[in-house]
Amino acid sequence: MDYHRRSVLGFGAAATLLALPGCSSLPGLSLTEAVKRLLTLSAQNAFAELMQPNGFFDSQVARISVPDSLGGSRVTSIATALLRSKPIQDRLLLQVNRAAEKGAELAAPIVADTIRNMSIADAAAIINGGPRAATSLLQRQLGDTLVDRMLPGIGNGLRLFDNEIINLVLAQATNVDFSSISRDVTAKASTAIYRSIGAQEEAIRANPQATNDPLLMAVLGVGKAF
Protein backbone atom coordinates (compact mmCIF):
# COMPACT_ATOMS: atom_id res chain seq x y z
CA MET A 1 0.00 0.00 0.00
CA ASP A 2 1.59 3.32 -1.04
CA TYR A 3 1.72 6.52 1.02
CA HIS A 4 -1.13 8.17 -0.89
CA ARG A 5 -3.46 5.25 -0.18
CA ARG A 6 -2.57 5.35 3.52
CA SER A 7 -3.25 9.09 3.55
CA VAL A 8 -6.71 8.56 2.07
CA LEU A 9 -7.45 6.01 4.78
CA GLY A 10 -6.26 8.35 7.51
CA PHE A 11 -3.06 6.58 8.49
CA GLY A 12 -0.73 8.96 6.67
CA ALA A 13 -2.00 11.78 8.85
CA ALA A 14 -1.82 9.60 11.93
CA ALA A 15 1.80 8.73 11.30
CA THR A 16 2.66 12.41 10.85
CA LEU A 17 0.82 13.39 14.00
CA LEU A 18 2.52 10.73 16.06
CA ALA A 19 6.01 11.27 14.64
CA LEU A 20 8.57 12.20 17.26
CA PRO A 21 12.26 12.98 16.80
CA GLY A 22 14.75 10.51 18.17
CA CYS A 23 15.93 11.40 21.65
CA SER A 24 18.13 9.91 24.33
CA SER A 25 15.65 10.67 27.13
CA LEU A 26 11.92 9.98 27.19
CA PRO A 27 9.64 12.95 27.93
CA GLY A 28 6.64 12.59 30.23
CA LEU A 29 4.13 11.80 27.49
CA SER A 30 6.39 9.52 25.49
CA LEU A 31 4.82 6.29 26.75
CA THR A 32 1.40 7.46 25.60
CA GLU A 33 2.89 8.44 22.25
CA ALA A 34 4.67 5.08 22.07
CA VAL A 35 1.39 3.20 22.50
CA LYS A 36 -0.19 5.28 19.75
CA ARG A 37 2.83 4.78 17.50
CA LEU A 38 2.74 1.04 18.16
CA LEU A 39 -0.95 0.87 17.27
CA THR A 40 -0.53 3.09 14.21
CA LEU A 41 2.21 0.92 12.74
CA SER A 42 0.37 -2.28 13.64
CA ALA A 43 -2.83 -1.06 11.99
CA GLN A 44 -0.99 0.28 8.93
CA ASN A 45 0.68 -3.08 8.38
CA ALA A 46 -2.52 -5.03 8.99
CA PHE A 47 -4.68 -2.99 6.61
CA ALA A 48 -1.93 -2.95 3.98
CA GLU A 49 -2.23 -6.75 3.86
CA LEU A 50 -6.00 -7.06 4.28
CA MET A 51 -6.84 -4.55 1.56
CA GLN A 52 -4.77 -6.28 -1.08
CA PRO A 53 -6.80 -8.37 -3.56
CA ASN A 54 -7.80 -11.51 -1.63
CA GLY A 55 -6.16 -10.06 1.46
CA PHE A 56 -8.56 -11.78 3.86
CA PHE A 57 -8.80 -14.97 1.81
CA ASP A 58 -5.03 -15.46 1.59
CA SER A 59 -4.39 -14.68 5.26
CA GLN A 60 -3.92 -17.46 7.79
CA VAL A 61 -4.85 -14.95 10.48
CA ALA A 62 -7.82 -13.16 8.90
CA ARG A 63 -9.63 -15.59 6.59
CA ILE A 64 -13.29 -15.78 7.58
CA SER A 65 -15.61 -18.75 7.22
CA VAL A 66 -18.85 -19.12 5.25
CA PRO A 67 -21.96 -18.46 7.38
CA ASP A 68 -23.76 -21.62 8.49
CA SER A 69 -26.95 -20.52 6.75
CA LEU A 70 -25.20 -20.77 3.38
CA GLY A 71 -25.13 -24.54 3.39
CA GLY A 72 -26.75 -25.34 6.71
CA SER A 73 -30.17 -26.72 7.64
CA ARG A 74 -32.14 -23.59 6.82
CA VAL A 75 -32.24 -24.12 3.06
CA THR A 76 -34.31 -26.41 0.86
CA SER A 77 -33.11 -29.97 0.35
CA ILE A 78 -32.18 -29.37 -3.29
CA ALA A 79 -30.26 -26.21 -2.51
CA THR A 80 -28.63 -27.84 0.51
CA ALA A 81 -26.83 -30.43 -1.58
CA LEU A 82 -25.63 -27.78 -4.00
CA LEU A 83 -24.63 -25.26 -1.35
CA ARG A 84 -22.67 -27.89 0.54
CA SER A 85 -20.78 -29.04 -2.54
CA LYS A 86 -17.09 -28.19 -2.50
CA PRO A 87 -17.08 -26.05 -5.69
CA ILE A 88 -19.91 -23.86 -4.38
CA GLN A 89 -18.47 -23.64 -0.87
CA ASP A 90 -15.09 -22.65 -2.31
CA ARG A 91 -16.74 -19.86 -4.31
CA LEU A 92 -18.76 -18.70 -1.32
CA LEU A 93 -15.65 -18.71 0.86
CA LEU A 94 -13.85 -16.50 -1.63
CA GLN A 95 -16.84 -14.18 -1.94
CA VAL A 96 -17.39 -13.58 1.78
CA ASN A 97 -13.69 -12.78 2.14
CA ARG A 98 -13.84 -10.38 -0.80
CA ALA A 99 -16.81 -8.71 0.85
CA ALA A 100 -14.71 -8.32 4.00
CA GLU A 101 -12.24 -6.24 1.96
CA LYS A 102 -15.04 -3.73 1.31
CA GLY A 103 -15.63 -3.52 5.03
CA ALA A 104 -11.93 -3.01 5.73
CA GLU A 105 -11.93 0.05 3.47
CA LEU A 106 -14.54 1.61 5.76
CA ALA A 107 -12.84 0.41 8.94
CA ALA A 108 -9.35 1.79 8.28
CA PRO A 109 -10.09 5.53 8.77
CA ILE A 110 -12.18 4.78 11.87
CA VAL A 111 -9.30 2.88 13.42
CA ALA A 112 -6.89 5.69 12.54
CA ASP A 113 -9.14 8.35 14.10
CA THR A 114 -9.62 6.26 17.24
CA ILE A 115 -5.87 5.83 17.69
CA ARG A 116 -5.25 9.56 17.23
CA ASN A 117 -7.89 10.54 19.77
CA MET A 118 -7.80 7.64 22.20
CA SER A 119 -7.45 8.17 25.94
CA ILE A 120 -4.77 6.03 27.60
CA ALA A 121 -5.08 5.99 31.38
CA ASP A 122 -2.02 3.83 32.06
CA ALA A 123 0.36 3.72 29.11
CA ALA A 124 3.03 1.92 31.14
CA ALA A 125 0.62 -0.97 31.77
CA ILE A 126 0.02 -1.28 28.03
CA ILE A 127 3.72 -1.15 27.20
CA ASN A 128 4.49 -3.77 29.86
CA GLY A 129 1.37 -5.82 29.13
CA GLY A 130 0.89 -8.86 26.95
CA PRO A 131 2.02 -9.09 23.33
CA ARG A 132 -1.32 -7.69 22.12
CA ALA A 133 -2.17 -5.37 25.00
CA ALA A 134 -2.44 -2.25 22.83
CA THR A 135 -4.75 -3.99 20.37
CA SER A 136 -6.98 -5.09 23.24
CA LEU A 137 -7.18 -1.47 24.39
CA LEU A 138 -8.12 -0.39 20.86
CA GLN A 139 -10.83 -3.04 20.66
CA ARG A 140 -12.30 -1.97 24.01
CA GLN A 141 -12.41 1.67 22.97
CA LEU A 142 -14.00 0.95 19.59
CA GLY A 143 -16.63 -1.43 20.95
CA ASP A 144 -19.18 -2.27 18.24
CA THR A 145 -18.24 0.71 16.09
CA LEU A 146 -16.41 -1.31 13.44
CA VAL A 147 -19.32 -3.71 12.95
CA ASP A 148 -21.81 -0.88 12.62
CA ARG A 149 -19.67 1.08 10.16
CA MET A 150 -18.54 -1.88 8.03
CA LEU A 151 -21.99 -3.44 7.64
CA PRO A 152 -23.10 -1.39 4.58
CA GLY A 153 -19.89 -2.08 2.67
CA ILE A 154 -19.91 -5.78 3.41
CA GLY A 155 -23.60 -6.03 2.59
CA ASN A 156 -22.90 -4.49 -0.81
CA GLY A 157 -19.97 -6.83 -1.33
CA LEU A 158 -22.10 -9.88 -0.59
CA ARG A 159 -24.68 -8.80 -3.16
CA LEU A 160 -22.02 -8.84 -5.85
CA PHE A 161 -21.83 -12.61 -6.18
CA ASP A 162 -19.77 -12.99 -9.33
CA ASN A 163 -20.74 -16.50 -10.25
CA GLU A 164 -23.94 -17.36 -12.11
CA ILE A 165 -24.10 -20.84 -10.56
CA ILE A 166 -24.02 -19.38 -7.05
CA ASN A 167 -26.79 -16.95 -7.96
CA LEU A 168 -28.86 -19.82 -9.33
CA VAL A 169 -28.35 -21.95 -6.21
CA LEU A 170 -29.17 -19.09 -3.86
CA ALA A 171 -32.32 -18.39 -5.84
CA GLN A 172 -33.49 -21.92 -4.98
CA ALA A 173 -32.83 -21.49 -1.27
CA THR A 174 -35.59 -20.58 1.15
CA ASN A 175 -35.37 -18.78 4.48
CA VAL A 176 -31.91 -17.44 3.70
CA ASP A 177 -31.77 -14.17 5.62
CA PHE A 178 -29.25 -11.97 3.81
CA SER A 179 -29.42 -9.36 6.56
CA SER A 180 -28.34 -11.99 9.07
CA ILE A 181 -25.65 -13.23 6.70
CA SER A 182 -24.28 -9.70 6.28
CA ARG A 183 -24.19 -9.23 10.05
CA ASP A 184 -22.43 -12.58 10.52
CA VAL A 185 -19.76 -11.81 7.93
CA THR A 186 -19.28 -8.29 9.30
CA ALA A 187 -18.78 -9.54 12.86
CA LYS A 188 -16.23 -12.08 11.61
CA ALA A 189 -14.45 -9.41 9.55
CA SER A 190 -14.23 -7.13 12.60
CA THR A 191 -12.72 -9.93 14.67
CA ALA A 192 -10.30 -10.72 11.84
CA ILE A 193 -9.14 -7.10 11.69
CA TYR A 194 -8.34 -7.10 15.40
CA ARG A 195 -6.52 -10.42 15.04
CA SER A 196 -4.45 -8.96 12.22
CA ILE A 197 -3.59 -5.79 14.13
CA GLY A 198 -2.74 -7.89 17.17
CA ALA A 199 -0.45 -10.13 15.14
CA GLN A 200 1.37 -7.07 13.81
CA GLU A 201 1.68 -5.62 17.30
CA GLU A 202 3.15 -8.88 18.55
CA ALA A 203 5.68 -8.89 15.71
CA ILE A 204 6.73 -5.30 16.45
CA ARG A 205 7.14 -6.03 20.15
CA ALA A 206 9.27 -9.06 19.31
CA ASN A 207 11.56 -7.04 17.04
CA PRO A 208 11.15 -3.27 17.52
CA GLN A 209 14.45 -2.65 15.74
CA ALA A 210 12.78 -3.64 12.47
CA THR A 211 10.61 -0.51 12.67
CA ASN A 212 13.63 1.85 12.62
CA ASP A 213 11.59 3.96 15.03
CA PRO A 214 13.75 5.46 17.81
CA LEU A 215 10.87 5.77 20.26
CA LEU A 216 9.61 2.22 19.82
CA MET A 217 13.12 0.81 19.92
CA ALA A 218 13.78 2.66 23.19
CA VAL A 219 10.47 1.80 24.85
CA LEU A 220 10.16 -1.80 23.64
CA GLY A 221 13.84 -2.68 23.78
CA VAL A 222 15.08 -5.73 25.65
CA GLY A 223 14.94 -5.25 29.40
CA LYS A 224 13.05 -1.97 29.16
CA ALA A 225 10.38 -1.53 31.83
CA PHE A 226 8.50 1.50 33.13
C-alpha atoms as a PDB file:
ATOM      1  CA  MET A   1       0.000   0.000   0.000  1.00  0.00           C
ATOM      2  CA  ASP A   2       1.587   3.318  -1.037  1.00  0.00           C
ATOM      3  CA  TYR A   3       1.719   6.518   1.022  1.00  0.00           C
ATOM      4  CA  HIS A   4      -1.129   8.167  -0.888  1.00  0.00           C
ATOM      5  CA  ARG A   5      -3.459   5.251  -0.178  1.00  0.00           C
ATOM      6  CA  ARG A   6      -2.565   5.351   3.523  1.00  0.00           C
ATOM      7  CA  SER A   7      -3.254   9.085   3.555  1.00  0.00           C
ATOM      8  CA  VAL A   8      -6.711   8.555   2.071  1.00  0.00           C
ATOM      9  CA  LEU A   9      -7.451   6.015   4.782  1.00  0.00           C
ATOM     10  CA  GLY A  10      -6.260   8.348   7.510  1.00  0.00           C
ATOM     11  CA  PHE A  11      -3.064   6.579   8.490  1.00  0.00           C
ATOM     12  CA  GLY A  12      -0.726   8.958   6.666  1.00  0.00           C
ATOM     13  CA  ALA A  13      -2.001  11.778   8.852  1.00  0.00           C
ATOM     14  CA  ALA A  14      -1.820   9.597  11.930  1.00  0.00           C
ATOM     15  CA  ALA A  15       1.804   8.726  11.295  1.00  0.00           C
ATOM     16  CA  THR A  16       2.663  12.410  10.848  1.00  0.00           C
ATOM     17  CA  LEU A  17       0.819  13.394  14.000  1.00  0.00           C
ATOM     18  CA  LEU A  18       2.524  10.727  16.060  1.00  0.00           C
ATOM     19  CA  ALA A  19       6.007  11.267  14.636  1.00  0.00           C
ATOM     20  CA  LEU A  20       8.565  12.205  17.258  1.00  0.00           C
ATOM     21  CA  PRO A  21      12.259  12.981  16.801  1.00  0.00           C
ATOM     22  CA  GLY A  22      14.747  10.506  18.170  1.00  0.00           C
ATOM     23  CA  CYS A  23      15.931  11.400  21.646  1.00  0.00           C
ATOM     24  CA  SER A  24      18.126   9.914  24.331  1.00  0.00           C
ATOM     25  CA  SER A  25      15.652  10.669  27.130  1.00  0.00           C
ATOM     26  CA  LEU A  26      11.922   9.980  27.186  1.00  0.00           C
ATOM     27  CA  PRO A  27       9.643  12.952  27.935  1.00  0.00           C
ATOM     28  CA  GLY A  28       6.643  12.594  30.233  1.00  0.00           C
ATOM     29  CA  LEU A  29       4.134  11.804  27.488  1.00  0.00           C
ATOM     30  CA  SER A  30       6.393   9.518  25.485  1.00  0.00           C
ATOM     31  CA  LEU A  31       4.824   6.286  26.748  1.00  0.00           C
ATOM     32  CA  THR A  32       1.402   7.461  25.599  1.00  0.00           C
ATOM     33  CA  GLU A  33       2.892   8.439  22.254  1.00  0.00           C
ATOM     34  CA  ALA A  34       4.668   5.083  22.075  1.00  0.00           C
ATOM     35  CA  VAL A  35       1.390   3.199  22.503  1.00  0.00           C
ATOM     36  CA  LYS A  36      -0.194   5.284  19.748  1.00  0.00           C
ATOM     37  CA  ARG A  37       2.829   4.779  17.501  1.00  0.00           C
ATOM     38  CA  LEU A  38       2.737   1.039  18.161  1.00  0.00           C
ATOM     39  CA  LEU A  39      -0.952   0.874  17.266  1.00  0.00           C
ATOM     40  CA  THR A  40      -0.532   3.089  14.210  1.00  0.00           C
ATOM     41  CA  LEU A  41       2.208   0.915  12.741  1.00  0.00           C
ATOM     42  CA  SER A  42       0.373  -2.284  13.642  1.00  0.00           C
ATOM     43  CA  ALA A  43      -2.828  -1.062  11.988  1.00  0.00           C
ATOM     44  CA  GLN A  44      -0.988   0.277   8.930  1.00  0.00           C
ATOM     45  CA  ASN A  45       0.678  -3.077   8.378  1.00  0.00           C
ATOM     46  CA  ALA A  46      -2.525  -5.032   8.989  1.00  0.00           C
ATOM     47  CA  PHE A  47      -4.679  -2.987   6.613  1.00  0.00           C
ATOM     48  CA  ALA A  48      -1.930  -2.953   3.982  1.00  0.00           C
ATOM     49  CA  GLU A  49      -2.228  -6.750   3.862  1.00  0.00           C
ATOM     50  CA  LEU A  50      -5.996  -7.062   4.276  1.00  0.00           C
ATOM     51  CA  MET A  51      -6.843  -4.550   1.559  1.00  0.00           C
ATOM     52  CA  GLN A  52      -4.769  -6.280  -1.076  1.00  0.00           C
ATOM     53  CA  PRO A  53      -6.797  -8.374  -3.557  1.00  0.00           C
ATOM     54  CA  ASN A  54      -7.805 -11.514  -1.634  1.00  0.00           C
ATOM     55  CA  GLY A  55      -6.157 -10.056   1.462  1.00  0.00           C
ATOM     56  CA  PHE A  56      -8.557 -11.783   3.863  1.00  0.00           C
ATOM     57  CA  PHE A  57      -8.797 -14.970   1.815  1.00  0.00           C
ATOM     58  CA  ASP A  58      -5.025 -15.460   1.587  1.00  0.00           C
ATOM     59  CA  SER A  59      -4.389 -14.680   5.256  1.00  0.00           C
ATOM     60  CA  GLN A  60      -3.924 -17.465   7.785  1.00  0.00           C
ATOM     61  CA  VAL A  61      -4.851 -14.949  10.477  1.00  0.00           C
ATOM     62  CA  ALA A  62      -7.817 -13.163   8.902  1.00  0.00           C
ATOM     63  CA  ARG A  63      -9.630 -15.590   6.586  1.00  0.00           C
ATOM     64  CA  ILE A  64     -13.290 -15.783   7.582  1.00  0.00           C
ATOM     65  CA  SER A  65     -15.614 -18.750   7.217  1.00  0.00           C
ATOM     66  CA  VAL A  66     -18.845 -19.119   5.247  1.00  0.00           C
ATOM     67  CA  PRO A  67     -21.961 -18.461   7.382  1.00  0.00           C
ATOM     68  CA  ASP A  68     -23.756 -21.621   8.489  1.00  0.00           C
ATOM     69  CA  SER A  69     -26.945 -20.519   6.751  1.00  0.00           C
ATOM     70  CA  LEU A  70     -25.201 -20.773   3.379  1.00  0.00           C
ATOM     71  CA  GLY A  71     -25.130 -24.539   3.387  1.00  0.00           C
ATOM     72  CA  GLY A  72     -26.752 -25.345   6.713  1.00  0.00           C
ATOM     73  CA  SER A  73     -30.165 -26.721   7.641  1.00  0.00           C
ATOM     74  CA  ARG A  74     -32.138 -23.595   6.819  1.00  0.00           C
ATOM     75  CA  VAL A  75     -32.236 -24.123   3.060  1.00  0.00           C
ATOM     76  CA  THR A  76     -34.312 -26.414   0.861  1.00  0.00           C
ATOM     77  CA  SER A  77     -33.114 -29.970   0.349  1.00  0.00           C
ATOM     78  CA  ILE A  78     -32.177 -29.372  -3.293  1.00  0.00           C
ATOM     79  CA  ALA A  79     -30.264 -26.213  -2.514  1.00  0.00           C
ATOM     80  CA  THR A  80     -28.633 -27.843   0.509  1.00  0.00           C
ATOM     81  CA  ALA A  81     -26.827 -30.432  -1.582  1.00  0.00           C
ATOM     82  CA  LEU A  82     -25.626 -27.777  -4.000  1.00  0.00           C
ATOM     83  CA  LEU A  83     -24.632 -25.257  -1.353  1.00  0.00           C
ATOM     84  CA  ARG A  84     -22.667 -27.890   0.543  1.00  0.00           C
ATOM     85  CA  SER A  85     -20.777 -29.045  -2.536  1.00  0.00           C
ATOM     86  CA  LYS A  86     -17.090 -28.187  -2.500  1.00  0.00           C
ATOM     87  CA  PRO A  87     -17.083 -26.049  -5.686  1.00  0.00           C
ATOM     88  CA  ILE A  88     -19.909 -23.858  -4.383  1.00  0.00           C
ATOM     89  CA  GLN A  89     -18.468 -23.642  -0.869  1.00  0.00           C
ATOM     90  CA  ASP A  90     -15.093 -22.648  -2.311  1.00  0.00           C
ATOM     91  CA  ARG A  91     -16.737 -19.865  -4.312  1.00  0.00           C
ATOM     92  CA  LEU A  92     -18.759 -18.703  -1.324  1.00  0.00           C
ATOM     93  CA  LEU A  93     -15.646 -18.714   0.864  1.00  0.00           C
ATOM     94  CA  LEU A  94     -13.846 -16.501  -1.627  1.00  0.00           C
ATOM     95  CA  GLN A  95     -16.843 -14.183  -1.941  1.00  0.00           C
ATOM     96  CA  VAL A  96     -17.386 -13.579   1.775  1.00  0.00           C
ATOM     97  CA  ASN A  97     -13.693 -12.785   2.139  1.00  0.00           C
ATOM     98  CA  ARG A  98     -13.835 -10.383  -0.798  1.00  0.00           C
ATOM     99  CA  ALA A  99     -16.815  -8.714   0.846  1.00  0.00           C
ATOM    100  CA  ALA A 100     -14.708  -8.321   3.996  1.00  0.00           C
ATOM    101  CA  GLU A 101     -12.242  -6.243   1.964  1.00  0.00           C
ATOM    102  CA  LYS A 102     -15.037  -3.730   1.313  1.00  0.00           C
ATOM    103  CA  GLY A 103     -15.635  -3.517   5.033  1.00  0.00           C
ATOM    104  CA  ALA A 104     -11.931  -3.007   5.729  1.00  0.00           C
ATOM    105  CA  GLU A 105     -11.927   0.053   3.472  1.00  0.00           C
ATOM    106  CA  LEU A 106     -14.539   1.609   5.758  1.00  0.00           C
ATOM    107  CA  ALA A 107     -12.844   0.413   8.944  1.00  0.00           C
ATOM    108  CA  ALA A 108      -9.353   1.793   8.284  1.00  0.00           C
ATOM    109  CA  PRO A 109     -10.091   5.526   8.767  1.00  0.00           C
ATOM    110  CA  ILE A 110     -12.184   4.778  11.865  1.00  0.00           C
ATOM    111  CA  VAL A 111      -9.295   2.879  13.421  1.00  0.00           C
ATOM    112  CA  ALA A 112      -6.885   5.695  12.539  1.00  0.00           C
ATOM    113  CA  ASP A 113      -9.140   8.347  14.099  1.00  0.00           C
ATOM    114  CA  THR A 114      -9.623   6.264  17.236  1.00  0.00           C
ATOM    115  CA  ILE A 115      -5.872   5.832  17.686  1.00  0.00           C
ATOM    116  CA  ARG A 116      -5.251   9.561  17.232  1.00  0.00           C
ATOM    117  CA  ASN A 117      -7.895  10.542  19.773  1.00  0.00           C
ATOM    118  CA  MET A 118      -7.799   7.637  22.204  1.00  0.00           C
ATOM    119  CA  SER A 119      -7.449   8.167  25.936  1.00  0.00           C
ATOM    120  CA  ILE A 120      -4.774   6.032  27.601  1.00  0.00           C
ATOM    121  CA  ALA A 121      -5.085   5.993  31.381  1.00  0.00           C
ATOM    122  CA  ASP A 122      -2.024   3.825  32.058  1.00  0.00           C
ATOM    123  CA  ALA A 123       0.356   3.716  29.112  1.00  0.00           C
ATOM    124  CA  ALA A 124       3.028   1.916  31.138  1.00  0.00           C
ATOM    125  CA  ALA A 125       0.623  -0.973  31.773  1.00  0.00           C
ATOM    126  CA  ILE A 126       0.021  -1.283  28.028  1.00  0.00           C
ATOM    127  CA  ILE A 127       3.724  -1.155  27.201  1.00  0.00           C
ATOM    128  CA  ASN A 128       4.494  -3.773  29.859  1.00  0.00           C
ATOM    129  CA  GLY A 129       1.371  -5.816  29.130  1.00  0.00           C
ATOM    130  CA  GLY A 130       0.887  -8.856  26.950  1.00  0.00           C
ATOM    131  CA  PRO A 131       2.025  -9.088  23.332  1.00  0.00           C
ATOM    132  CA  ARG A 132      -1.317  -7.694  22.115  1.00  0.00           C
ATOM    133  CA  ALA A 133      -2.173  -5.372  25.002  1.00  0.00           C
ATOM    134  CA  ALA A 134      -2.440  -2.251  22.832  1.00  0.00           C
ATOM    135  CA  THR A 135      -4.752  -3.993  20.370  1.00  0.00           C
ATOM    136  CA  SER A 136      -6.982  -5.093  23.241  1.00  0.00           C
ATOM    137  CA  LEU A 137      -7.183  -1.467  24.386  1.00  0.00           C
ATOM    138  CA  LEU A 138      -8.117  -0.386  20.860  1.00  0.00           C
ATOM    139  CA  GLN A 139     -10.833  -3.035  20.659  1.00  0.00           C
ATOM    140  CA  ARG A 140     -12.298  -1.967  24.006  1.00  0.00           C
ATOM    141  CA  GLN A 141     -12.413   1.673  22.972  1.00  0.00           C
ATOM    142  CA  LEU A 142     -14.000   0.947  19.593  1.00  0.00           C
ATOM    143  CA  GLY A 143     -16.630  -1.433  20.950  1.00  0.00           C
ATOM    144  CA  ASP A 144     -19.182  -2.274  18.238  1.00  0.00           C
ATOM    145  CA  THR A 145     -18.240   0.714  16.087  1.00  0.00           C
ATOM    146  CA  LEU A 146     -16.411  -1.315  13.438  1.00  0.00           C
ATOM    147  CA  VAL A 147     -19.316  -3.714  12.953  1.00  0.00           C
ATOM    148  CA  ASP A 148     -21.809  -0.875  12.615  1.00  0.00           C
ATOM    149  CA  ARG A 149     -19.669   1.082  10.160  1.00  0.00           C
ATOM    150  CA  MET A 150     -18.543  -1.877   8.034  1.00  0.00           C
ATOM    151  CA  LEU A 151     -21.986  -3.438   7.639  1.00  0.00           C
ATOM    152  CA  PRO A 152     -23.103  -1.394   4.582  1.00  0.00           C
ATOM    153  CA  GLY A 153     -19.887  -2.080   2.667  1.00  0.00           C
ATOM    154  CA  ILE A 154     -19.907  -5.783   3.409  1.00  0.00           C
ATOM    155  CA  GLY A 155     -23.604  -6.026   2.589  1.00  0.00           C
ATOM    156  CA  ASN A 156     -22.901  -4.489  -0.814  1.00  0.00           C
ATOM    157  CA  GLY A 157     -19.972  -6.835  -1.326  1.00  0.00           C
ATOM    158  CA  LEU A 158     -22.103  -9.881  -0.590  1.00  0.00           C
ATOM    159  CA  ARG A 159     -24.679  -8.805  -3.158  1.00  0.00           C
ATOM    160  CA  LEU A 160     -22.019  -8.843  -5.846  1.00  0.00           C
ATOM    161  CA  PHE A 161     -21.829 -12.608  -6.178  1.00  0.00           C
ATOM    162  CA  ASP A 162     -19.771 -12.985  -9.327  1.00  0.00           C
ATOM    163  CA  ASN A 163     -20.738 -16.505 -10.247  1.00  0.00           C
ATOM    164  CA  GLU A 164     -23.940 -17.364 -12.109  1.00  0.00           C
ATOM    165  CA  ILE A 165     -24.100 -20.840 -10.561  1.00  0.00           C
ATOM    166  CA  ILE A 166     -24.015 -19.376  -7.050  1.00  0.00           C
ATOM    167  CA  ASN A 167     -26.787 -16.948  -7.964  1.00  0.00           C
ATOM    168  CA  LEU A 168     -28.862 -19.819  -9.326  1.00  0.00           C
ATOM    169  CA  VAL A 169     -28.353 -21.948  -6.212  1.00  0.00           C
ATOM    170  CA  LEU A 170     -29.174 -19.089  -3.863  1.00  0.00           C
ATOM    171  CA  ALA A 171     -32.323 -18.392  -5.843  1.00  0.00           C
ATOM    172  CA  GLN A 172     -33.487 -21.923  -4.979  1.00  0.00           C
ATOM    173  CA  ALA A 173     -32.828 -21.488  -1.272  1.00  0.00           C
ATOM    174  CA  THR A 174     -35.590 -20.584   1.149  1.00  0.00           C
ATOM    175  CA  ASN A 175     -35.374 -18.783   4.481  1.00  0.00           C
ATOM    176  CA  VAL A 176     -31.914 -17.437   3.705  1.00  0.00           C
ATOM    177  CA  ASP A 177     -31.767 -14.167   5.616  1.00  0.00           C
ATOM    178  CA  PHE A 178     -29.250 -11.965   3.811  1.00  0.00           C
ATOM    179  CA  SER A 179     -29.423  -9.356   6.558  1.00  0.00           C
ATOM    180  CA  SER A 180     -28.342 -11.986   9.069  1.00  0.00           C
ATOM    181  CA  ILE A 181     -25.646 -13.233   6.697  1.00  0.00           C
ATOM    182  CA  SER A 182     -24.283  -9.704   6.285  1.00  0.00           C
ATOM    183  CA  ARG A 183     -24.188  -9.233  10.046  1.00  0.00           C
ATOM    184  CA  ASP A 184     -22.434 -12.583  10.519  1.00  0.00           C
ATOM    185  CA  VAL A 185     -19.756 -11.813   7.928  1.00  0.00           C
ATOM    186  CA  THR A 186     -19.283  -8.287   9.300  1.00  0.00           C
ATOM    187  CA  ALA A 187     -18.776  -9.542  12.857  1.00  0.00           C
ATOM    188  CA  LYS A 188     -16.235 -12.078  11.609  1.00  0.00           C
ATOM    189  CA  ALA A 189     -14.449  -9.406   9.554  1.00  0.00           C
ATOM    190  CA  SER A 190     -14.232  -7.127  12.595  1.00  0.00           C
ATOM    191  CA  THR A 191     -12.718  -9.927  14.667  1.00  0.00           C
ATOM    192  CA  ALA A 192     -10.299 -10.722  11.838  1.00  0.00           C
ATOM    193  CA  ILE A 193      -9.136  -7.097  11.689  1.00  0.00           C
ATOM    194  CA  TYR A 194      -8.336  -7.099  15.403  1.00  0.00           C
ATOM    195  CA  ARG A 195      -6.519 -10.422  15.037  1.00  0.00           C
ATOM    196  CA  SER A 196      -4.447  -8.961  12.220  1.00  0.00           C
ATOM    197  CA  ILE A 197      -3.591  -5.785  14.127  1.00  0.00           C
ATOM    198  CA  GLY A 198      -2.737  -7.891  17.170  1.00  0.00           C
ATOM    199  CA  ALA A 199      -0.448 -10.134  15.141  1.00  0.00           C
ATOM    200  CA  GLN A 200       1.370  -7.069  13.805  1.00  0.00           C
ATOM    201  CA  GLU A 201       1.681  -5.620  17.305  1.00  0.00           C
ATOM    202  CA  GLU A 202       3.147  -8.885  18.554  1.00  0.00           C
ATOM    203  CA  ALA A 203       5.681  -8.894  15.708  1.00  0.00           C
ATOM    204  CA  ILE A 204       6.726  -5.295  16.447  1.00  0.00           C
ATOM    205  CA  ARG A 205       7.142  -6.030  20.147  1.00  0.00           C
ATOM    206  CA  ALA A 206       9.269  -9.063  19.309  1.00  0.00           C
ATOM    207  CA  ASN A 207      11.560  -7.036  17.044  1.00  0.00           C
ATOM    208  CA  PRO A 208      11.145  -3.271  17.524  1.00  0.00           C
ATOM    209  CA  GLN A 209      14.451  -2.647  15.737  1.00  0.00           C
ATOM    210  CA  ALA A 210      12.780  -3.637  12.469  1.00  0.00           C
ATOM    211  CA  THR A 211      10.607  -0.508  12.674  1.00  0.00           C
ATOM    212  CA  ASN A 212      13.631   1.847  12.623  1.00  0.00           C
ATOM    213  CA  ASP A 213      11.586   3.957  15.025  1.00  0.00           C
ATOM    214  CA  PRO A 214      13.755   5.459  17.811  1.00  0.00           C
ATOM    215  CA  LEU A 215      10.866   5.773  20.262  1.00  0.00           C
ATOM    216  CA  LEU A 216       9.606   2.221  19.822  1.00  0.00           C
ATOM    217  CA  MET A 217      13.119   0.814  19.923  1.00  0.00           C
ATOM    218  CA  ALA A 218      13.780   2.656  23.186  1.00  0.00           C
ATOM    219  CA  VAL A 219      10.472   1.800  24.850  1.00  0.00           C
ATOM    220  CA  LEU A 220      10.157  -1.796  23.637  1.00  0.00           C
ATOM    221  CA  GLY A 221      13.838  -2.675  23.779  1.00  0.00           C
ATOM    222  CA  VAL A 222      15.075  -5.728  25.649  1.00  0.00           C
ATOM    223  CA  GLY A 223      14.938  -5.254  29.397  1.00  0.00           C
ATOM    224  CA  LYS A 224      13.052  -1.966  29.164  1.00  0.00           C
ATOM    225  CA  ALA A 225      10.378  -1.531  31.830  1.00  0.00           C
ATOM    226  CA  PHE A 226       8.500   1.503  33.135  1.00  0.00           C
END
